[in-house]
Amino acid sequence: MPPAHPADERLPRHATLRDSADYRLCYRTGRRRTGAFATLHYRPNDRGHARLGITASRKVGGAVVRNRLKRWTRECYRRAPARAGLPALDLIVHLAPAAARTPFAPFCAELARQLEQLARGAAR
């Protein structure tokens, strides 16, 4: 039997976007930063912590590819050191078709770079 994950390593439910109205609001009124593998849409929230949402169109690939990239995104976000420096905002990672053709390490490094830029920009 594999070892159980400690509770502090999971991404808690309160740290994720769940409501489609929150997604629409973030797309409509938020700002964005474009990277090689994803576009980050973000807007401030009143929750006191950052929340993550992930979207991918069918242009990215089939369901298996999209779900794998979403798992990778959650894992990279969970491990990103810049996550602690993020202000209270709603963050949507919209995956680009180029993400489907990249290995995990470069994908994760690019997402971490984007999160670091976002955290630095919020600190100003």
N, C-alpha and C. Protein backbone atom coordinates (compact mmCIF):
# COMPACT_ATOMS: atom_id res chain seq x y z
N MET A 1 0.85 -1.18 0.00
CA MET A 1 0.00 0.00 0.00
C MET A 1 0.89 1.24 0.00
N PRO A 2 0.63 2.22 -0.91
CA PRO A 2 1.46 3.42 -0.96
C PRO A 2 1.25 4.27 0.29
N PRO A 3 2.27 5.04 0.67
CA PRO A 3 2.12 5.90 1.85
C PRO A 3 1.09 6.99 1.59
N ALA A 4 0.37 7.34 2.62
CA ALA A 4 -0.64 8.40 2.52
C ALA A 4 0.06 9.75 2.43
N HIS A 5 -0.51 10.66 1.65
CA HIS A 5 0.05 12.00 1.54
C HIS A 5 -0.30 12.79 2.79
N PRO A 6 0.65 13.56 3.30
CA PRO A 6 0.32 14.42 4.43
C PRO A 6 -0.73 15.44 4.00
N ALA A 7 -1.57 15.83 4.91
CA ALA A 7 -2.66 16.75 4.60
C ALA A 7 -2.14 18.09 4.10
N ASP A 8 -0.96 18.52 4.57
CA ASP A 8 -0.46 19.83 4.18
C ASP A 8 0.10 19.85 2.76
N GLU A 9 0.22 18.72 2.09
CA GLU A 9 0.73 18.69 0.73
C GLU A 9 -0.38 18.73 -0.32
N ARG A 10 -1.58 18.52 0.10
CA ARG A 10 -2.69 18.58 -0.85
C ARG A 10 -3.09 20.03 -1.10
N LEU A 11 -3.65 20.29 -2.25
CA LEU A 11 -4.19 21.61 -2.54
C LEU A 11 -5.62 21.63 -1.98
N PRO A 12 -5.86 22.41 -0.92
CA PRO A 12 -7.18 22.37 -0.29
C PRO A 12 -8.29 22.90 -1.20
N ARG A 13 -9.49 22.44 -0.98
CA ARG A 13 -10.63 22.86 -1.80
C ARG A 13 -10.86 24.36 -1.76
N HIS A 14 -10.62 24.99 -0.61
CA HIS A 14 -10.85 26.43 -0.51
C HIS A 14 -9.84 27.22 -1.34
N ALA A 15 -8.79 26.56 -1.84
CA ALA A 15 -7.77 27.22 -2.65
C ALA A 15 -8.02 27.04 -4.15
N THR A 16 -9.20 26.55 -4.51
CA THR A 16 -9.52 26.36 -5.93
C THR A 16 -10.80 27.10 -6.28
N LEU A 17 -10.90 27.53 -7.53
CA LEU A 17 -12.13 28.14 -8.03
C LEU A 17 -13.13 27.05 -8.33
N ARG A 18 -14.34 27.19 -7.89
CA ARG A 18 -15.36 26.17 -8.09
C ARG A 18 -16.57 26.67 -8.88
N ASP A 19 -16.89 27.92 -8.74
CA ASP A 19 -18.12 28.47 -9.31
C ASP A 19 -17.85 29.05 -10.70
N SER A 20 -18.70 28.71 -11.67
CA SER A 20 -18.50 29.22 -13.03
C SER A 20 -18.63 30.74 -13.08
N ALA A 21 -19.39 31.33 -12.17
CA ALA A 21 -19.50 32.78 -12.13
C ALA A 21 -18.16 33.42 -11.78
N ASP A 22 -17.38 32.77 -10.94
CA ASP A 22 -16.04 33.28 -10.60
C ASP A 22 -15.12 33.24 -11.81
N TYR A 23 -15.23 32.17 -12.59
CA TYR A 23 -14.44 32.07 -13.83
C TYR A 23 -14.82 33.20 -14.78
N ARG A 24 -16.12 33.38 -15.00
CA ARG A 24 -16.58 34.42 -15.93
C ARG A 24 -16.14 35.80 -15.47
N LEU A 25 -16.25 36.07 -14.17
CA LEU A 25 -15.86 37.37 -13.63
C LEU A 25 -14.37 37.61 -13.81
N CYS A 26 -13.58 36.59 -13.59
CA CYS A 26 -12.13 36.71 -13.75
C CYS A 26 -11.76 36.96 -15.22
N TYR A 27 -12.41 36.25 -16.12
CA TYR A 27 -12.15 36.47 -17.55
C TYR A 27 -12.59 37.88 -17.98
N ARG A 28 -13.75 38.31 -17.48
CA ARG A 28 -14.33 39.57 -17.93
C ARG A 28 -13.62 40.79 -17.34
N THR A 29 -13.33 40.76 -16.04
CA THR A 29 -12.82 41.97 -15.37
C THR A 29 -11.37 41.87 -14.94
N GLY A 30 -10.77 40.70 -15.09
CA GLY A 30 -9.39 40.53 -14.62
C GLY A 30 -8.36 40.97 -15.64
N ARG A 31 -7.11 40.83 -15.24
CA ARG A 31 -5.97 41.11 -16.12
C ARG A 31 -5.39 39.79 -16.57
N ARG A 32 -4.42 39.85 -17.48
CA ARG A 32 -3.83 38.59 -17.94
C ARG A 32 -2.35 38.76 -18.25
N ARG A 33 -1.65 37.63 -18.14
CA ARG A 33 -0.24 37.53 -18.52
C ARG A 33 -0.11 36.30 -19.39
N THR A 34 0.52 36.47 -20.54
CA THR A 34 0.64 35.37 -21.49
C THR A 34 2.05 34.79 -21.43
N GLY A 35 2.11 33.46 -21.43
CA GLY A 35 3.38 32.75 -21.44
C GLY A 35 3.41 31.77 -22.60
N ALA A 36 4.45 30.96 -22.65
CA ALA A 36 4.62 30.02 -23.75
C ALA A 36 3.59 28.90 -23.72
N PHE A 37 3.21 28.44 -22.53
CA PHE A 37 2.33 27.28 -22.42
C PHE A 37 0.97 27.59 -21.81
N ALA A 38 0.81 28.81 -21.26
CA ALA A 38 -0.46 29.15 -20.61
C ALA A 38 -0.62 30.65 -20.51
N THR A 39 -1.86 31.07 -20.41
CA THR A 39 -2.20 32.45 -20.13
C THR A 39 -2.79 32.50 -18.72
N LEU A 40 -2.26 33.40 -17.89
CA LEU A 40 -2.78 33.56 -16.53
C LEU A 40 -3.78 34.71 -16.53
N HIS A 41 -4.99 34.43 -16.13
CA HIS A 41 -6.01 35.46 -15.92
C HIS A 41 -6.15 35.62 -14.42
N TYR A 42 -6.16 36.87 -13.94
CA TYR A 42 -6.22 37.06 -12.48
C TYR A 42 -6.96 38.34 -12.13
N ARG A 43 -7.53 38.31 -10.97
CA ARG A 43 -8.21 39.48 -10.42
C ARG A 43 -8.23 39.36 -8.90
N PRO A 44 -8.21 40.47 -8.18
CA PRO A 44 -8.24 40.41 -6.71
C PRO A 44 -9.55 39.78 -6.21
N ASN A 45 -9.45 39.11 -5.07
CA ASN A 45 -10.66 38.59 -4.43
C ASN A 45 -10.68 39.03 -2.98
N ASP A 46 -11.78 38.79 -2.31
CA ASP A 46 -11.92 39.18 -0.90
C ASP A 46 -11.81 37.99 0.04
N ARG A 47 -11.24 36.90 -0.42
CA ARG A 47 -11.14 35.67 0.38
C ARG A 47 -9.94 35.66 1.33
N GLY A 48 -8.94 36.49 1.07
CA GLY A 48 -7.76 36.51 1.91
C GLY A 48 -6.66 35.56 1.45
N HIS A 49 -6.90 34.82 0.38
CA HIS A 49 -5.90 33.88 -0.15
C HIS A 49 -6.16 33.70 -1.64
N ALA A 50 -5.13 33.21 -2.33
CA ALA A 50 -5.25 32.98 -3.77
C ALA A 50 -6.04 31.70 -4.03
N ARG A 51 -6.81 31.72 -5.12
CA ARG A 51 -7.56 30.53 -5.55
C ARG A 51 -7.18 30.23 -6.99
N LEU A 52 -7.04 28.93 -7.31
CA LEU A 52 -6.60 28.49 -8.62
C LEU A 52 -7.74 27.87 -9.41
N GLY A 53 -7.82 28.22 -10.67
CA GLY A 53 -8.72 27.58 -11.61
C GLY A 53 -7.93 27.23 -12.86
N ILE A 54 -8.32 26.16 -13.54
CA ILE A 54 -7.59 25.71 -14.72
C ILE A 54 -8.60 25.45 -15.84
N THR A 55 -8.29 25.96 -17.04
CA THR A 55 -9.13 25.69 -18.20
C THR A 55 -8.25 25.27 -19.37
N ALA A 56 -8.83 24.47 -20.25
CA ALA A 56 -8.15 24.03 -21.47
C ALA A 56 -9.20 23.74 -22.52
N SER A 57 -9.04 24.32 -23.69
CA SER A 57 -9.98 24.07 -24.77
C SER A 57 -9.61 22.76 -25.46
N ARG A 58 -10.47 22.31 -26.34
CA ARG A 58 -10.18 21.08 -27.09
C ARG A 58 -9.05 21.25 -28.09
N LYS A 59 -8.65 22.49 -28.35
CA LYS A 59 -7.50 22.74 -29.22
C LYS A 59 -6.21 22.20 -28.59
N VAL A 60 -6.19 22.09 -27.27
CA VAL A 60 -5.01 21.59 -26.56
C VAL A 60 -4.80 20.11 -26.86
N GLY A 61 -5.87 19.36 -26.96
CA GLY A 61 -5.77 17.93 -27.22
C GLY A 61 -7.02 17.22 -26.73
N GLY A 62 -6.95 15.90 -26.75
CA GLY A 62 -8.07 15.09 -26.27
C GLY A 62 -8.20 15.17 -24.75
N ALA A 63 -9.21 14.50 -24.23
CA ALA A 63 -9.49 14.56 -22.80
C ALA A 63 -8.31 14.06 -21.97
N VAL A 64 -7.64 13.03 -22.43
CA VAL A 64 -6.51 12.48 -21.68
C VAL A 64 -5.40 13.52 -21.56
N VAL A 65 -5.10 14.20 -22.65
CA VAL A 65 -4.06 15.23 -22.65
C VAL A 65 -4.47 16.40 -21.78
N ARG A 66 -5.68 16.88 -21.92
CA ARG A 66 -6.15 18.02 -21.12
C ARG A 66 -6.12 17.70 -19.63
N ASN A 67 -6.57 16.52 -19.25
CA ASN A 67 -6.58 16.15 -17.83
C ASN A 67 -5.16 15.99 -17.29
N ARG A 68 -4.24 15.44 -18.09
CA ARG A 68 -2.86 15.32 -17.65
C ARG A 68 -2.27 16.71 -17.41
N LEU A 69 -2.51 17.64 -18.32
CA LEU A 69 -1.99 18.99 -18.16
C LEU A 69 -2.60 19.70 -16.95
N LYS A 70 -3.85 19.44 -16.66
CA LYS A 70 -4.47 20.02 -15.47
C LYS A 70 -3.82 19.46 -14.20
N ARG A 71 -3.54 18.16 -14.18
CA ARG A 71 -2.85 17.57 -13.03
C ARG A 71 -1.46 18.19 -12.87
N TRP A 72 -0.74 18.33 -13.99
CA TRP A 72 0.58 18.94 -13.95
C TRP A 72 0.50 20.37 -13.41
N THR A 73 -0.51 21.12 -13.85
CA THR A 73 -0.67 22.50 -13.42
C THR A 73 -0.91 22.58 -11.92
N ARG A 74 -1.80 21.73 -11.41
CA ARG A 74 -2.06 21.72 -9.97
C ARG A 74 -0.79 21.38 -9.18
N GLU A 75 -0.04 20.40 -9.67
CA GLU A 75 1.18 19.99 -8.98
C GLU A 75 2.23 21.10 -9.02
N CYS A 76 2.43 21.73 -10.15
CA CYS A 76 3.40 22.82 -10.25
C CYS A 76 2.99 24.00 -9.37
N TYR A 77 1.71 24.32 -9.37
CA TYR A 77 1.21 25.41 -8.53
C TYR A 77 1.41 25.09 -7.06
N ARG A 78 1.09 23.86 -6.68
CA ARG A 78 1.20 23.45 -5.29
C ARG A 78 2.65 23.53 -4.81
N ARG A 79 3.61 23.19 -5.68
CA ARG A 79 5.02 23.18 -5.31
C ARG A 79 5.73 24.52 -5.50
N ALA A 80 5.12 25.46 -6.19
CA ALA A 80 5.78 26.72 -6.55
C ALA A 80 6.12 27.55 -5.31
N PRO A 81 7.38 27.95 -5.15
CA PRO A 81 7.74 28.80 -4.01
C PRO A 81 7.04 30.16 -4.05
N ALA A 82 6.76 30.66 -5.25
CA ALA A 82 6.12 31.98 -5.39
C ALA A 82 4.68 31.97 -4.90
N ARG A 83 4.11 30.80 -4.74
CA ARG A 83 2.71 30.71 -4.29
C ARG A 83 2.50 31.40 -2.95
N ALA A 84 3.49 31.32 -2.07
CA ALA A 84 3.37 31.96 -0.76
C ALA A 84 3.33 33.48 -0.87
N GLY A 85 3.92 34.03 -1.93
CA GLY A 85 3.95 35.47 -2.10
C GLY A 85 2.78 36.04 -2.87
N LEU A 86 1.87 35.19 -3.32
CA LEU A 86 0.73 35.68 -4.08
C LEU A 86 -0.26 36.40 -3.17
N PRO A 87 -0.80 37.51 -3.61
CA PRO A 87 -1.84 38.18 -2.82
C PRO A 87 -3.17 37.44 -2.96
N ALA A 88 -4.19 37.96 -2.33
CA ALA A 88 -5.53 37.37 -2.43
C ALA A 88 -6.08 37.67 -3.81
N LEU A 89 -6.03 36.66 -4.68
CA LEU A 89 -6.57 36.84 -6.03
C LEU A 89 -7.10 35.52 -6.56
N ASP A 90 -7.97 35.65 -7.55
CA ASP A 90 -8.45 34.49 -8.29
C ASP A 90 -7.56 34.37 -9.51
N LEU A 91 -7.02 33.18 -9.73
CA LEU A 91 -6.06 32.94 -10.79
C LEU A 91 -6.55 31.80 -11.65
N ILE A 92 -6.69 32.06 -12.95
CA ILE A 92 -7.08 31.02 -13.89
C ILE A 92 -5.91 30.77 -14.82
N VAL A 93 -5.50 29.52 -14.92
CA VAL A 93 -4.45 29.12 -15.86
C VAL A 93 -5.16 28.53 -17.06
N HIS A 94 -5.11 29.24 -18.19
CA HIS A 94 -5.71 28.75 -19.43
C HIS A 94 -4.59 28.16 -20.27
N LEU A 95 -4.63 26.85 -20.47
CA LEU A 95 -3.56 26.12 -21.14
C LEU A 95 -3.58 26.36 -22.65
N ALA A 96 -2.39 26.52 -23.22
CA ALA A 96 -2.23 26.72 -24.66
C ALA A 96 -1.94 25.39 -25.34
N PRO A 97 -2.23 25.27 -26.63
CA PRO A 97 -1.94 24.02 -27.35
C PRO A 97 -0.47 23.60 -27.28
N ALA A 98 0.44 24.55 -27.17
CA ALA A 98 1.87 24.21 -27.09
C ALA A 98 2.20 23.41 -25.83
N ALA A 99 1.38 23.52 -24.80
CA ALA A 99 1.63 22.79 -23.55
C ALA A 99 1.56 21.28 -23.75
N ALA A 100 0.77 20.84 -24.72
CA ALA A 100 0.59 19.41 -24.95
C ALA A 100 1.86 18.75 -25.49
N ARG A 101 2.74 19.54 -26.07
CA ARG A 101 3.95 18.99 -26.70
C ARG A 101 5.20 19.16 -25.86
N THR A 102 5.06 19.58 -24.61
CA THR A 102 6.23 19.83 -23.79
C THR A 102 6.33 18.83 -22.64
N PRO A 103 7.55 18.50 -22.21
CA PRO A 103 7.71 17.64 -21.03
C PRO A 103 7.35 18.39 -19.74
N PHE A 104 7.25 17.64 -18.67
CA PHE A 104 6.82 18.19 -17.38
C PHE A 104 7.76 19.28 -16.87
N ALA A 105 9.06 19.04 -16.88
CA ALA A 105 10.01 19.98 -16.27
C ALA A 105 9.96 21.38 -16.91
N PRO A 106 10.03 21.51 -18.25
CA PRO A 106 9.93 22.86 -18.83
C PRO A 106 8.55 23.49 -18.59
N PHE A 107 7.52 22.68 -18.61
CA PHE A 107 6.17 23.19 -18.35
C PHE A 107 6.10 23.79 -16.95
N CYS A 108 6.60 23.05 -15.98
CA CYS A 108 6.56 23.49 -14.59
C CYS A 108 7.45 24.72 -14.37
N ALA A 109 8.61 24.75 -15.00
CA ALA A 109 9.51 25.89 -14.86
C ALA A 109 8.88 27.16 -15.42
N GLU A 110 8.20 27.05 -16.55
CA GLU A 110 7.53 28.21 -17.15
C GLU A 110 6.39 28.71 -16.27
N LEU A 111 5.61 27.80 -15.73
CA LEU A 111 4.51 28.20 -14.85
C LEU A 111 5.05 28.84 -13.58
N ALA A 112 6.13 28.30 -13.02
CA ALA A 112 6.73 28.89 -11.82
C ALA A 112 7.26 30.29 -12.12
N ARG A 113 7.83 30.47 -13.31
CA ARG A 113 8.32 31.80 -13.71
C ARG A 113 7.17 32.80 -13.79
N GLN A 114 6.06 32.37 -14.38
CA GLN A 114 4.90 33.25 -14.49
C GLN A 114 4.34 33.60 -13.11
N LEU A 115 4.28 32.63 -12.21
CA LEU A 115 3.79 32.90 -10.85
C LEU A 115 4.72 33.84 -10.11
N GLU A 116 6.03 33.68 -10.30
CA GLU A 116 7.01 34.56 -9.67
C GLU A 116 6.82 35.99 -10.16
N GLN A 117 6.63 36.18 -11.47
CA GLN A 117 6.39 37.52 -12.01
C GLN A 117 5.11 38.11 -11.43
N LEU A 118 4.09 37.29 -11.30
CA LEU A 118 2.82 37.76 -10.74
C LEU A 118 2.98 38.17 -9.28
N ALA A 119 3.72 37.38 -8.51
CA ALA A 119 3.95 37.70 -7.09
C ALA A 119 4.78 38.97 -6.96
N ARG A 120 5.81 39.13 -7.80
CA ARG A 120 6.63 40.34 -7.76
C ARG A 120 5.83 41.57 -8.16
N GLY A 121 4.99 41.43 -9.17
CA GLY A 121 4.16 42.54 -9.62
C GLY A 121 3.16 42.96 -8.56
N ALA A 122 2.68 42.02 -7.78
CA ALA A 122 1.72 42.33 -6.72
C ALA A 122 2.41 42.98 -5.54
N ALA A 123 3.71 42.71 -5.36
CA ALA A 123 4.44 43.28 -4.23
C ALA A 123 4.71 44.77 -4.43
N ARG A 124 4.67 45.22 -5.67
CA ARG A 124 4.94 46.65 -5.96
C ARG A 124 3.82 47.53 -5.54
